[in-house]
N, C-alpha and C. Protein backbone atom coordinates (compact mmCIF):
# COMPACT_ATOMS: atom_id res chain seq x y z
N MET A 1 92.02 118.20 116.26
CA MET A 1 92.34 116.88 115.76
C MET A 1 91.51 115.81 116.46
N ASP A 2 91.21 116.03 117.74
CA ASP A 2 90.42 115.04 118.47
C ASP A 2 89.05 114.82 117.83
N CYS A 3 88.44 115.88 117.33
CA CYS A 3 87.12 115.75 116.69
C CYS A 3 87.17 114.81 115.49
N ALA A 4 88.25 114.87 114.74
CA ALA A 4 88.38 113.99 113.57
C ALA A 4 88.36 112.53 114.00
N PHE A 5 88.97 112.23 115.12
CA PHE A 5 89.00 110.85 115.59
C PHE A 5 87.72 110.46 116.33
N ASP A 6 86.88 111.44 116.60
CA ASP A 6 85.57 111.16 117.19
C ASP A 6 84.51 111.03 116.11
N GLY A 7 84.90 111.03 114.83
CA GLY A 7 83.98 110.80 113.74
C GLY A 7 83.58 112.03 112.95
N ALA A 8 84.06 113.20 113.32
CA ALA A 8 83.71 114.43 112.59
C ALA A 8 84.46 114.49 111.27
N LYS A 9 83.83 115.08 110.28
CA LYS A 9 84.51 115.38 109.02
C LYS A 9 85.13 116.76 109.21
N VAL A 10 86.40 116.88 108.91
CA VAL A 10 87.11 118.13 109.17
C VAL A 10 87.70 118.71 107.90
N THR A 11 87.86 120.02 107.91
CA THR A 11 88.49 120.71 106.79
C THR A 11 89.18 121.95 107.32
N CYS A 12 90.13 122.43 106.57
CA CYS A 12 90.79 123.68 106.88
C CYS A 12 90.68 124.53 105.63
N PHE A 13 90.12 125.70 105.77
CA PHE A 13 89.84 126.56 104.63
C PHE A 13 90.52 127.90 104.85
N ALA A 14 91.39 128.29 103.93
CA ALA A 14 92.08 129.59 104.02
C ALA A 14 91.46 130.52 102.98
N TYR A 15 91.00 131.67 103.44
CA TYR A 15 90.33 132.62 102.56
C TYR A 15 90.86 134.01 102.85
N GLY A 16 91.09 134.76 101.81
CA GLY A 16 91.53 136.14 102.01
C GLY A 16 92.09 136.72 100.74
N GLN A 17 92.33 138.01 100.78
CA GLN A 17 92.84 138.69 99.59
C GLN A 17 94.30 138.32 99.33
N THR A 18 94.74 138.58 98.13
CA THR A 18 96.12 138.32 97.74
C THR A 18 97.06 139.06 98.68
N GLY A 19 98.08 138.35 99.15
CA GLY A 19 99.08 138.96 100.02
C GLY A 19 98.71 139.00 101.49
N SER A 20 97.60 138.37 101.87
CA SER A 20 97.16 138.44 103.27
C SER A 20 97.82 137.40 104.16
N GLY A 21 98.57 136.45 103.59
CA GLY A 21 99.30 135.48 104.40
C GLY A 21 98.74 134.07 104.39
N LYS A 22 97.84 133.76 103.49
CA LYS A 22 97.25 132.41 103.43
C LYS A 22 98.32 131.35 103.19
N THR A 23 99.13 131.54 102.19
CA THR A 23 100.16 130.56 101.86
C THR A 23 101.16 130.40 102.99
N TYR A 24 101.59 131.48 103.57
CA TYR A 24 102.53 131.43 104.70
C TYR A 24 101.92 130.67 105.87
N THR A 25 100.66 130.94 106.18
CA THR A 25 99.99 130.27 107.28
C THR A 25 99.88 128.78 107.03
N MET A 26 99.54 128.40 105.82
CA MET A 26 99.32 127.00 105.51
C MET A 26 100.62 126.23 105.28
N LEU A 27 101.61 126.85 104.64
CA LEU A 27 102.85 126.15 104.27
C LEU A 27 104.05 126.49 105.14
N GLY A 28 104.02 127.62 105.82
CA GLY A 28 105.20 128.07 106.56
C GLY A 28 106.19 128.73 105.62
N ASN A 29 107.43 128.80 106.05
CA ASN A 29 108.44 129.46 105.22
C ASN A 29 109.42 128.48 104.59
N GLY A 30 109.16 127.19 104.72
CA GLY A 30 110.06 126.19 104.15
C GLY A 30 111.31 125.97 104.98
N GLY A 31 111.36 126.58 106.14
CA GLY A 31 112.53 126.45 107.01
C GLY A 31 112.11 126.28 108.46
N THR A 32 112.33 127.33 109.22
CA THR A 32 112.08 127.25 110.66
C THR A 32 110.62 127.38 111.06
N VAL A 33 109.81 128.01 110.24
CA VAL A 33 108.38 128.18 110.55
C VAL A 33 107.59 127.11 109.81
N ARG A 34 106.95 126.24 110.57
CA ARG A 34 106.15 125.17 109.98
C ARG A 34 104.72 125.66 109.84
N GLY A 35 104.13 125.37 108.69
CA GLY A 35 102.76 125.78 108.43
C GLY A 35 101.74 124.82 109.00
N LEU A 36 100.49 125.22 108.87
CA LEU A 36 99.40 124.44 109.42
C LEU A 36 99.33 123.04 108.82
N TYR A 37 99.61 122.89 107.53
CA TYR A 37 99.59 121.56 106.90
C TYR A 37 100.55 120.61 107.61
N LEU A 38 101.78 121.03 107.81
CA LEU A 38 102.78 120.17 108.44
C LEU A 38 102.43 119.90 109.90
N LEU A 39 102.00 120.92 110.62
CA LEU A 39 101.64 120.73 112.02
C LEU A 39 100.49 119.74 112.18
N ALA A 40 99.48 119.87 111.32
CA ALA A 40 98.33 118.96 111.37
C ALA A 40 98.76 117.53 111.01
N ALA A 41 99.60 117.40 109.98
CA ALA A 41 100.06 116.06 109.57
C ALA A 41 100.87 115.40 110.69
N GLU A 42 101.72 116.16 111.37
CA GLU A 42 102.49 115.61 112.48
C GLU A 42 101.55 115.09 113.57
N ASP A 43 100.55 115.89 113.93
CA ASP A 43 99.59 115.47 114.95
C ASP A 43 98.81 114.24 114.50
N LEU A 44 98.36 114.26 113.27
CA LEU A 44 97.57 113.16 112.73
C LEU A 44 98.33 111.84 112.80
N PHE A 45 99.55 111.82 112.29
CA PHE A 45 100.29 110.57 112.24
C PHE A 45 100.84 110.17 113.61
N GLU A 46 100.99 111.10 114.51
CA GLU A 46 101.36 110.76 115.89
C GLU A 46 100.19 110.05 116.57
N ILE A 47 98.98 110.55 116.34
CA ILE A 47 97.80 109.95 116.96
C ILE A 47 97.52 108.55 116.41
N ILE A 48 97.59 108.39 115.09
CA ILE A 48 97.25 107.07 114.55
C ILE A 48 98.35 106.05 114.78
N GLY A 49 99.59 106.54 114.95
CA GLY A 49 100.70 105.64 115.28
C GLY A 49 100.73 104.38 114.44
N SER A 50 100.68 103.27 115.10
CA SER A 50 100.78 101.99 114.40
C SER A 50 99.41 101.34 114.21
N ARG A 51 98.33 102.08 114.40
CA ARG A 51 97.00 101.50 114.22
C ARG A 51 96.79 101.09 112.76
N THR A 52 96.20 99.94 112.58
CA THR A 52 95.96 99.47 111.21
C THR A 52 94.47 99.52 110.85
N ASP A 53 93.64 100.00 111.77
CA ASP A 53 92.20 100.02 111.53
C ASP A 53 91.73 101.36 110.96
N LEU A 54 92.64 102.23 110.59
CA LEU A 54 92.28 103.56 110.11
C LEU A 54 92.84 103.81 108.72
N GLU A 55 92.14 104.64 107.96
CA GLU A 55 92.62 105.13 106.67
C GLU A 55 92.70 106.63 106.75
N VAL A 56 93.66 107.20 106.06
CA VAL A 56 93.79 108.66 105.99
C VAL A 56 93.55 109.08 104.56
N TRP A 57 92.59 109.99 104.35
CA TRP A 57 92.30 110.56 103.04
C TRP A 57 92.59 112.03 103.13
N ILE A 58 93.42 112.51 102.23
CA ILE A 58 93.80 113.93 102.24
C ILE A 58 93.57 114.52 100.86
N SER A 59 93.00 115.69 100.83
CA SER A 59 92.77 116.41 99.58
C SER A 59 93.25 117.84 99.75
N PHE A 60 93.83 118.39 98.70
CA PHE A 60 94.24 119.79 98.69
C PHE A 60 93.65 120.43 97.44
N TYR A 61 92.80 121.40 97.65
CA TYR A 61 92.14 122.08 96.54
C TYR A 61 92.45 123.56 96.57
N GLU A 62 92.35 124.17 95.42
CA GLU A 62 92.47 125.61 95.29
C GLU A 62 91.26 126.11 94.51
N ILE A 63 90.65 127.15 95.02
CA ILE A 63 89.58 127.82 94.28
C ILE A 63 90.16 129.14 93.81
N TYR A 64 90.24 129.30 92.51
CA TYR A 64 90.84 130.49 91.93
C TYR A 64 89.98 130.96 90.77
N CYS A 65 89.58 132.21 90.82
CA CYS A 65 88.72 132.79 89.78
C CYS A 65 87.47 131.94 89.53
N GLY A 66 86.90 131.43 90.62
CA GLY A 66 85.68 130.65 90.51
C GLY A 66 85.85 129.24 89.99
N LYS A 67 87.09 128.78 89.85
CA LYS A 67 87.36 127.42 89.37
C LYS A 67 88.02 126.62 90.47
N LEU A 68 87.76 125.32 90.48
CA LEU A 68 88.27 124.41 91.50
C LEU A 68 89.40 123.57 90.92
N PHE A 69 90.56 123.59 91.58
CA PHE A 69 91.73 122.85 91.11
C PHE A 69 92.18 121.85 92.18
N ASP A 70 92.60 120.68 91.73
CA ASP A 70 93.12 119.62 92.60
C ASP A 70 94.63 119.79 92.68
N LEU A 71 95.13 120.21 93.82
CA LEU A 71 96.57 120.49 93.97
C LEU A 71 97.42 119.23 94.09
N LEU A 72 96.80 118.07 94.29
CA LEU A 72 97.55 116.81 94.35
C LEU A 72 97.50 116.06 93.03
N ASN A 73 96.93 116.68 92.02
CA ASN A 73 96.81 116.04 90.71
C ASN A 73 97.17 117.06 89.62
N ASP A 74 98.35 117.62 89.73
CA ASP A 74 98.86 118.59 88.75
C ASP A 74 97.88 119.72 88.45
N LYS A 75 97.21 120.19 89.49
CA LYS A 75 96.24 121.29 89.35
C LYS A 75 95.14 120.99 88.35
N ALA A 76 94.72 119.72 88.31
CA ALA A 76 93.63 119.33 87.41
C ALA A 76 92.37 120.12 87.76
N LEU A 77 91.69 120.58 86.74
CA LEU A 77 90.44 121.30 86.92
C LEU A 77 89.34 120.32 87.31
N LEU A 78 88.64 120.62 88.40
CA LEU A 78 87.54 119.77 88.85
C LEU A 78 86.23 120.52 88.67
N PHE A 79 85.16 119.78 88.58
CA PHE A 79 83.84 120.36 88.45
C PHE A 79 83.07 120.00 89.71
N ALA A 80 82.92 120.97 90.60
CA ALA A 80 82.29 120.72 91.89
C ALA A 80 80.79 120.56 91.74
N ARG A 81 80.34 119.40 92.09
CA ARG A 81 78.92 119.11 92.15
C ARG A 81 78.78 117.84 92.97
N TYR A 82 77.62 117.58 93.45
CA TYR A 82 77.44 116.39 94.26
C TYR A 82 77.28 115.16 93.39
N CYS A 83 77.94 114.09 93.79
CA CYS A 83 77.87 112.82 93.10
C CYS A 83 77.51 111.76 94.13
N LEU A 84 76.93 110.69 93.68
CA LEU A 84 76.62 109.61 94.59
C LEU A 84 77.68 108.53 94.44
N LEU A 85 78.28 108.17 95.56
CA LEU A 85 79.31 107.14 95.57
C LEU A 85 78.74 105.87 96.18
N ASN A 86 79.35 104.77 95.88
CA ASN A 86 78.99 103.49 96.48
C ASN A 86 77.49 103.20 96.37
N ALA A 87 77.00 103.14 95.17
CA ALA A 87 75.60 102.83 94.89
C ALA A 87 74.64 103.80 95.57
N GLY A 88 75.01 105.06 95.60
CA GLY A 88 74.10 106.07 96.10
C GLY A 88 74.03 106.22 97.60
N LYS A 89 74.97 105.65 98.34
CA LYS A 89 74.91 105.70 99.80
C LYS A 89 75.27 107.08 100.35
N THR A 90 76.32 107.69 99.82
CA THR A 90 76.83 108.91 100.42
C THR A 90 77.05 109.98 99.36
N PRO A 91 76.36 111.12 99.46
CA PRO A 91 76.66 112.21 98.51
C PRO A 91 77.97 112.88 98.91
N ARG A 92 78.87 113.03 97.95
CA ARG A 92 80.15 113.68 98.22
C ARG A 92 80.52 114.52 97.02
N THR A 93 81.41 115.47 97.24
CA THR A 93 81.90 116.25 96.12
C THR A 93 83.03 115.51 95.42
N THR A 94 83.43 116.00 94.26
CA THR A 94 84.48 115.32 93.51
C THR A 94 85.80 115.38 94.26
N SER A 95 86.66 114.44 94.00
CA SER A 95 87.99 114.42 94.60
C SER A 95 88.91 113.63 93.69
N THR A 96 90.17 113.51 94.10
CA THR A 96 91.12 112.77 93.28
C THR A 96 90.82 111.28 93.29
N SER A 97 90.09 110.79 94.30
CA SER A 97 89.82 109.37 94.38
C SER A 97 88.65 108.95 93.51
N TRP A 98 87.79 109.88 93.16
CA TRP A 98 86.65 109.59 92.31
C TRP A 98 86.19 110.89 91.69
N VAL A 99 86.09 110.94 90.41
CA VAL A 99 85.75 112.19 89.73
C VAL A 99 84.41 112.03 89.01
N CYS A 100 83.52 112.99 89.26
CA CYS A 100 82.22 112.98 88.59
C CYS A 100 82.40 113.19 87.09
N PRO A 101 81.49 112.69 86.30
CA PRO A 101 81.56 112.98 84.86
C PRO A 101 81.50 114.49 84.63
N LYS A 102 82.22 114.94 83.64
CA LYS A 102 82.25 116.36 83.30
C LYS A 102 80.85 116.82 82.89
N PRO A 103 80.39 117.96 83.45
CA PRO A 103 79.08 118.45 83.05
C PRO A 103 79.03 118.78 81.57
N LYS A 104 77.86 118.56 80.96
CA LYS A 104 77.71 118.82 79.53
C LYS A 104 77.21 120.23 79.30
């Protein structure tokens, strides 16, 4: 978490075969075992506390059968490709905050 506050772009990627424990690791069991998402969110919001000079951007994606889905937007299908945001300043992939035009 410290790297994120030092300016690094961070991600958490779970990869593995069906039944290997990805969902359990990321989400926990909904009870006594907290998953990585909740643990990271607790740390994140504890660190930023009452600071008003920071923004938090969170994305949750699923790659299934070679397709990219946005889990925070009703599993909307996304088309992963690089787009230029803010008048071409920063190349970024699609997200819920800005979606590239659908490829033709």
